[in-house]
Amino acid sequence: MTRIIVDYNPGHKTLTGAGKTTAVRILTTLTQPDSGRAWVAGHDVVRDPAGVRRLIGLAGQHAAVDEKLGGRDNLRMFARLYHLPARLARQRADDLLDRFGLAEAADRVVKGYSGGMRRKLDLAASLIVAPPVLFLDEPTTGLDPRSRADIWAGVRELAESGTTVLLTTQYMDEADQLAGHIAVVDAGRVIASGTPDQLKAAIGGRLTVVVRDARAVSAAAGVLARISGAEPVIDRDGRQVSVAVTDAVATLADVAAELGRAGVVAQDVALRRPTLDDVFLRLTGDAPDSGGRPAAQTAQTARDAA
């Protein structure tokens, strides 16, 4: 099962204070909760922190690697800290360097690594003992698209191999790509949950009609308002009318028929499926007044692929 938690920050500036890193720190036993209880893999994070730590790996927001050592030496050091025998430590380090495409840079000093390489090395270090549960706090922030894709591939591979991954992110496309189940949190409360498709279906799509004659814009707006029960957005210069719809398929057929009966000639009728951006903005009461306009947003994502 895959589970996603989305932590929305209505300030549209940064995730400071949103609570995602605090949640990760509590679940990884680095911070004590003020109240409430939480379990990781069946272990209470307050009453049995040692039991939790035996089963988890963590890659925080900043790579926790030694810049003065090479990539291979870093991984061997982590392996020895986990009390792996020297031979197994060498083998595990080499396997992980291979897995994350770092074999050629294995003996280079980490100080000379790119941001993406450091992030991959940090992720590799968190997998030295192949934990059942892995926490990743914004692992792709600031990375170039190629490095992000590499991290995504690594996360998918981990999930497919049975590792439970909780991942936080600021990128909605990342949430859409990696999410199996999402819980949307606004002002500290869960306001919606489900798979990405379920959440998108719940808010519906956006139906747009472009008329051939600008004089027919008002008539088209009337048709969309009657069928959808919502207030259309009108762009007279573009001869365009759009409205939010829930039952997308039925509405599309009804609109086409009603436009014909009203004598409105449509140049184009299009239905745009909502994105996760649309979902978050709508659920938090800050939806844009027309489809397709960009809006700032942030989110926290957690993937549980057990």
Protein backbone atom coordinates (compact mmCIF):
# COMPACT_ATOMS: atom_id res chain seq x y z
CA MET A 1 0.00 0.00 0.00
CA THR A 2 1.21 3.51 -0.75
CA ARG A 3 0.41 6.40 1.53
CA ILE A 4 1.00 10.13 0.98
CA ILE A 5 0.70 12.99 3.48
CA VAL A 6 0.42 16.50 2.11
CA ASP A 7 1.17 19.44 4.40
CA TYR A 8 -0.07 22.63 2.78
CA ASN A 9 1.31 26.02 3.80
CA PRO A 10 -1.32 28.72 3.12
CA GLY A 11 1.33 31.46 3.35
CA HIS A 12 2.60 30.57 -0.16
CA LYS A 13 6.15 31.52 0.82
CA THR A 14 8.12 28.78 2.55
CA LEU A 15 7.44 25.61 4.47
CA THR A 16 8.80 27.14 7.66
CA GLY A 17 6.44 26.18 10.45
CA ALA A 18 4.37 23.83 8.29
CA GLY A 19 5.42 20.92 10.49
CA LYS A 20 6.70 18.35 8.04
CA THR A 21 10.26 18.19 9.33
CA THR A 22 9.02 18.19 12.92
CA ALA A 23 6.78 15.24 12.07
CA VAL A 24 9.72 13.38 10.55
CA ARG A 25 11.88 14.14 13.60
CA ILE A 26 9.17 12.81 15.92
CA LEU A 27 8.67 9.65 13.88
CA THR A 28 12.42 9.03 13.80
CA THR A 29 12.68 9.61 17.60
CA LEU A 30 14.86 12.72 17.24
CA THR A 31 12.21 14.94 18.84
CA GLN A 32 9.74 14.18 21.62
CA PRO A 33 6.10 15.00 20.82
CA ASP A 34 4.28 17.42 23.15
CA SER A 35 1.22 15.17 23.09
CA GLY A 36 -0.38 12.30 21.21
CA ARG A 37 1.11 8.95 20.22
CA ALA A 38 2.76 7.60 17.09
CA TRP A 39 3.95 4.18 16.01
CA VAL A 40 6.47 3.17 13.38
CA ALA A 41 6.43 -0.47 12.28
CA GLY A 42 4.44 -1.32 15.40
CA HIS A 43 6.79 0.43 17.85
CA ASP A 44 5.76 3.42 19.96
CA VAL A 45 8.16 6.28 19.16
CA VAL A 46 8.18 7.48 22.79
CA ARG A 47 7.98 4.22 24.73
CA ASP A 48 10.24 2.17 22.45
CA PRO A 49 12.57 4.54 20.57
CA ALA A 50 15.31 1.90 20.35
CA GLY A 51 12.88 -0.47 18.65
CA VAL A 52 12.01 2.24 16.11
CA ARG A 53 15.65 3.08 15.41
CA ARG A 54 16.48 -0.54 14.66
CA LEU A 55 13.95 -0.51 11.81
CA ILE A 56 14.42 2.87 10.14
CA GLY A 57 16.76 4.83 7.92
CA LEU A 58 16.78 8.62 7.59
CA ALA A 59 18.07 11.07 5.00
CA GLY A 60 17.45 14.59 6.28
CA GLN A 61 17.22 17.84 4.36
CA HIS A 62 21.00 18.23 4.33
CA ALA A 63 23.37 15.49 3.27
CA ALA A 64 25.02 13.99 6.36
CA VAL A 65 28.25 12.86 4.73
CA ASP A 66 31.88 13.63 5.50
CA GLU A 67 33.20 16.00 2.82
CA LYS A 68 36.82 15.10 3.55
CA LEU A 69 36.30 11.43 2.70
CA GLY A 70 35.61 9.76 -0.61
CA GLY A 71 32.22 8.28 -1.45
CA ARG A 72 33.34 4.69 -0.82
CA ASP A 73 34.99 5.59 2.50
CA ASN A 74 31.84 7.38 3.63
CA LEU A 75 29.69 4.33 3.03
CA ARG A 76 32.21 2.00 4.65
CA MET A 77 32.31 4.28 7.68
CA PHE A 78 28.51 4.18 7.99
CA ALA A 79 28.55 0.42 7.60
CA ARG A 80 31.08 0.04 10.40
CA LEU A 81 28.98 2.34 12.60
CA TYR A 82 26.18 -0.16 12.06
CA HIS A 83 28.61 -2.84 13.30
CA LEU A 84 28.85 -4.64 9.97
CA PRO A 85 31.97 -6.80 9.58
CA ALA A 86 34.71 -5.14 7.50
CA ARG A 87 34.23 -7.48 4.53
CA LEU A 88 30.47 -6.98 4.48
CA ALA A 89 30.93 -3.22 4.88
CA ARG A 90 33.12 -3.12 1.75
CA GLN A 91 30.65 -5.22 -0.20
CA ARG A 92 27.65 -3.17 0.89
CA ALA A 93 29.41 0.09 0.01
CA ASP A 94 30.33 -1.15 -3.47
CA ASP A 95 26.79 -2.43 -4.11
CA LEU A 96 25.23 0.90 -3.16
CA LEU A 97 27.70 2.95 -5.17
CA ASP A 98 26.79 0.84 -8.18
CA ARG A 99 23.07 1.12 -7.48
CA PHE A 100 23.13 4.93 -7.39
CA GLY A 101 25.53 5.45 -10.29
CA LEU A 102 28.41 6.66 -8.12
CA ALA A 103 30.92 3.89 -8.82
CA GLU A 104 33.10 6.07 -11.06
CA ALA A 105 33.29 8.78 -8.38
CA ALA A 106 33.67 6.32 -5.50
CA ASP A 107 37.22 7.40 -4.59
CA ARG A 108 36.76 11.12 -5.20
CA VAL A 109 36.57 13.40 -2.17
CA VAL A 110 32.91 14.23 -1.50
CA LYS A 111 33.73 17.95 -1.29
CA GLY A 112 34.02 17.85 -5.08
CA TYR A 113 30.65 16.13 -5.59
CA SER A 114 27.71 17.95 -7.16
CA GLY A 115 24.53 18.50 -5.12
CA GLY A 116 22.83 15.59 -6.86
CA MET A 117 25.76 13.26 -6.20
CA ARG A 118 25.83 14.19 -2.52
CA ARG A 119 22.11 13.58 -2.25
CA LYS A 120 22.47 10.14 -3.83
CA LEU A 121 25.36 9.32 -1.52
CA ASP A 122 23.30 10.40 1.47
CA LEU A 123 20.43 8.20 0.31
CA ALA A 124 22.85 5.31 -0.17
CA ALA A 125 24.17 5.82 3.37
CA SER A 126 20.65 5.58 4.76
CA LEU A 127 20.29 2.18 3.08
CA ILE A 128 23.43 0.55 4.46
CA VAL A 129 21.34 -1.88 6.49
CA ALA A 130 18.34 -1.94 4.10
CA PRO A 131 15.80 -0.65 6.66
CA PRO A 132 12.13 -1.72 6.50
CA VAL A 133 11.15 1.97 6.86
CA LEU A 134 13.00 4.90 5.26
CA PHE A 135 12.36 8.60 5.92
CA LEU A 136 13.39 11.09 3.24
CA ASP A 137 12.99 14.78 4.05
CA GLU A 138 12.91 16.80 0.80
CA PRO A 139 15.52 14.64 -0.92
CA THR A 140 15.27 16.42 -4.28
CA THR A 141 15.06 20.08 -3.28
CA GLY A 142 17.45 22.17 -5.35
CA LEU A 143 18.48 19.32 -7.64
CA ASP A 144 18.57 19.48 -11.43
CA PRO A 145 15.92 17.48 -13.34
CA ARG A 146 18.31 14.61 -14.13
CA SER A 147 19.31 14.18 -10.47
CA ARG A 148 15.67 14.38 -9.40
CA ALA A 149 14.79 11.64 -11.87
CA ASP A 150 17.60 9.48 -10.46
CA ILE A 151 16.30 9.93 -6.92
CA TRP A 152 12.74 9.14 -8.09
CA ALA A 153 13.99 5.95 -9.69
CA GLY A 154 15.73 5.03 -6.46
CA VAL A 155 12.59 5.65 -4.40
CA ARG A 156 10.47 3.55 -6.75
CA GLU A 157 13.00 0.73 -6.63
CA LEU A 158 13.00 0.81 -2.83
CA ALA A 159 9.21 0.76 -2.69
CA GLU A 160 9.02 -2.13 -5.13
CA SER A 161 11.53 -4.09 -3.06
CA GLY A 162 9.32 -3.76 0.03
CA THR A 163 10.82 -0.77 1.84
CA THR A 164 8.29 1.64 3.31
CA VAL A 165 9.30 5.18 2.29
CA LEU A 166 8.00 8.38 3.84
CA LEU A 167 9.07 11.28 1.68
CA THR A 168 8.51 15.01 2.09
CA THR A 169 8.66 17.34 -0.90
CA GLN A 170 7.87 20.83 -2.14
CA TYR A 171 7.08 19.64 -5.66
CA MET A 172 3.55 18.72 -6.73
CA ASP A 173 4.76 16.73 -9.74
CA GLU A 174 6.88 14.67 -7.37
CA ALA A 175 3.83 14.00 -5.20
CA ASP A 176 1.87 12.95 -8.28
CA GLN A 177 4.65 10.66 -9.49
CA LEU A 178 5.40 8.95 -6.19
CA ALA A 179 2.14 9.12 -4.26
CA GLY A 180 -0.11 6.17 -3.59
CA HIS A 181 -2.24 7.71 -0.86
CA ILE A 182 -2.45 11.36 0.15
CA ALA A 183 -3.66 13.09 3.29
CA VAL A 184 -4.03 16.85 2.91
CA VAL A 185 -3.24 18.80 6.07
CA ASP A 186 -4.25 22.45 6.43
CA ALA A 187 -3.56 24.40 9.63
CA GLY A 188 -2.66 21.22 11.45
CA ARG A 189 -5.75 19.23 10.47
CA VAL A 190 -6.33 16.49 7.91
CA ILE A 191 -8.98 17.88 5.57
CA ALA A 192 -8.94 15.21 2.85
CA SER A 193 -7.30 11.92 1.99
CA GLY A 194 -7.19 9.41 -0.82
CA THR A 195 -5.17 8.42 -3.85
CA PRO A 196 -4.13 11.18 -6.25
CA ASP A 197 -6.82 10.07 -8.71
CA GLN A 198 -9.49 10.04 -6.01
CA LEU A 199 -8.60 13.56 -4.88
CA LYS A 200 -8.59 14.85 -8.45
CA ALA A 201 -11.92 13.20 -9.19
CA ALA A 202 -13.44 14.75 -6.07
CA ILE A 203 -12.89 18.30 -7.32
CA GLY A 204 -13.62 17.43 -10.95
CA GLY A 205 -12.09 19.15 -13.93
CA ARG A 206 -12.49 22.44 -15.77
CA LEU A 207 -14.63 22.69 -18.88
CA THR A 208 -13.70 25.39 -21.41
CA VAL A 209 -15.74 26.50 -24.40
CA VAL A 210 -14.37 28.75 -27.14
CA VAL A 211 -17.14 30.19 -29.33
CA ARG A 212 -16.76 31.17 -32.96
CA ASP A 213 -18.65 34.47 -32.58
CA ALA A 214 -17.76 36.81 -29.71
CA ARG A 215 -21.43 37.82 -29.48
CA ALA A 216 -22.26 34.29 -28.33
CA VAL A 217 -20.05 34.41 -25.23
CA SER A 218 -22.91 35.38 -22.91
CA ALA A 219 -25.16 32.65 -24.27
CA ALA A 220 -22.39 30.07 -23.81
CA ALA A 221 -21.85 31.29 -20.25
CA GLY A 222 -25.55 30.82 -19.56
CA VAL A 223 -25.42 27.24 -20.81
CA LEU A 224 -22.40 26.39 -18.64
CA ALA A 225 -23.98 28.03 -15.58
CA ARG A 226 -27.24 26.09 -15.95
CA ILE A 227 -25.54 22.74 -16.43
CA SER A 228 -22.77 23.06 -13.84
CA GLY A 229 -24.55 25.13 -11.22
CA ALA A 230 -21.36 27.18 -10.88
CA GLU A 231 -20.38 30.68 -11.95
CA PRO A 232 -18.42 30.56 -15.24
CA VAL A 233 -15.29 32.60 -15.85
CA ILE A 234 -15.62 34.69 -19.00
CA ASP A 235 -12.80 35.87 -21.26
CA ARG A 236 -14.52 37.98 -23.91
CA ASP A 237 -11.30 38.90 -25.73
CA GLY A 238 -10.50 35.22 -26.14
CA ARG A 239 -14.16 34.29 -26.83
CA GLN A 240 -13.76 31.78 -24.02
CA VAL A 241 -15.92 30.60 -21.12
CA SER A 242 -14.78 28.10 -18.49
CA VAL A 243 -16.33 26.51 -15.41
CA ALA A 244 -15.41 23.90 -12.79
CA VAL A 245 -17.26 20.59 -13.24
CA THR A 246 -17.45 17.38 -11.21
CA ASP A 247 -19.16 14.84 -13.48
CA ALA A 248 -16.84 15.52 -16.38
CA VAL A 249 -18.09 13.01 -18.94
CA ALA A 250 -21.80 13.71 -18.46
CA THR A 251 -21.23 17.48 -18.41
CA LEU A 252 -19.25 17.45 -21.64
CA ALA A 253 -22.08 15.68 -23.48
CA ASP A 254 -24.74 17.94 -21.95
CA VAL A 255 -22.85 21.12 -22.82
CA ALA A 256 -22.36 20.08 -26.44
CA ALA A 257 -26.09 19.36 -26.79
CA GLU A 258 -27.21 22.53 -24.99
CA LEU A 259 -24.89 24.75 -27.00
CA GLY A 260 -26.42 23.37 -30.18
CA ARG A 261 -29.96 24.00 -28.92
CA ALA A 262 -28.99 27.56 -27.93
CA GLY A 263 -27.63 28.20 -31.41
CA VAL A 264 -24.09 28.69 -30.13
CA VAL A 265 -21.38 27.51 -32.51
CA ALA A 266 -18.41 26.25 -30.50
CA GLN A 267 -14.97 26.43 -32.03
CA ASP A 268 -13.56 24.26 -29.27
CA VAL A 269 -14.88 22.39 -26.22
CA ALA A 270 -12.16 21.05 -23.91
CA LEU A 271 -12.04 19.37 -20.54
CA ARG A 272 -8.90 19.84 -18.44
CA ARG A 273 -8.21 17.24 -15.77
CA PRO A 274 -7.23 18.85 -12.45
CA THR A 275 -3.66 18.70 -11.19
CA LEU A 276 -2.61 18.19 -7.59
CA ASP A 277 -1.98 21.94 -7.52
CA ASP A 278 -5.68 22.46 -8.24
CA VAL A 279 -6.63 19.92 -5.58
CA PHE A 280 -4.58 21.52 -2.83
CA LEU A 281 -5.66 25.04 -3.67
CA ARG A 282 -9.33 24.07 -3.87
CA LEU A 283 -9.28 22.07 -0.63
CA THR A 284 -7.59 24.84 1.28
CA GLY A 285 -10.03 27.43 0.03
CA ASP A 286 -7.56 29.30 -2.13
CA ALA A 287 -8.45 28.10 -5.62
CA PRO A 288 -7.57 30.43 -8.49
CA ASP A 289 -10.50 32.11 -10.25
CA SER A 290 -9.75 30.46 -13.55
CA GLY A 291 -8.27 27.22 -14.76
CA GLY A 292 -4.65 27.10 -15.70
CA ARG A 293 -3.44 30.13 -13.79
CA PRO A 294 -0.27 29.42 -11.85
CA ALA A 295 -0.40 29.71 -8.09
CA ALA A 296 2.30 29.20 -5.50
CA GLN A 297 1.93 26.20 -3.28
CA THR A 298 3.91 23.83 -1.08
CA ALA A 299 3.32 20.32 0.13
CA GLN A 300 4.64 17.46 2.13
CA THR A 301 4.54 14.00 0.70
CA ALA A 302 5.01 10.65 2.30
CA ARG A 303 5.23 7.36 0.41
CA ASP A 304 4.39 4.12 2.16
CA ALA A 305 4.90 1.23 -0.23
CA ALA A 306 4.83 -1.65 2.24
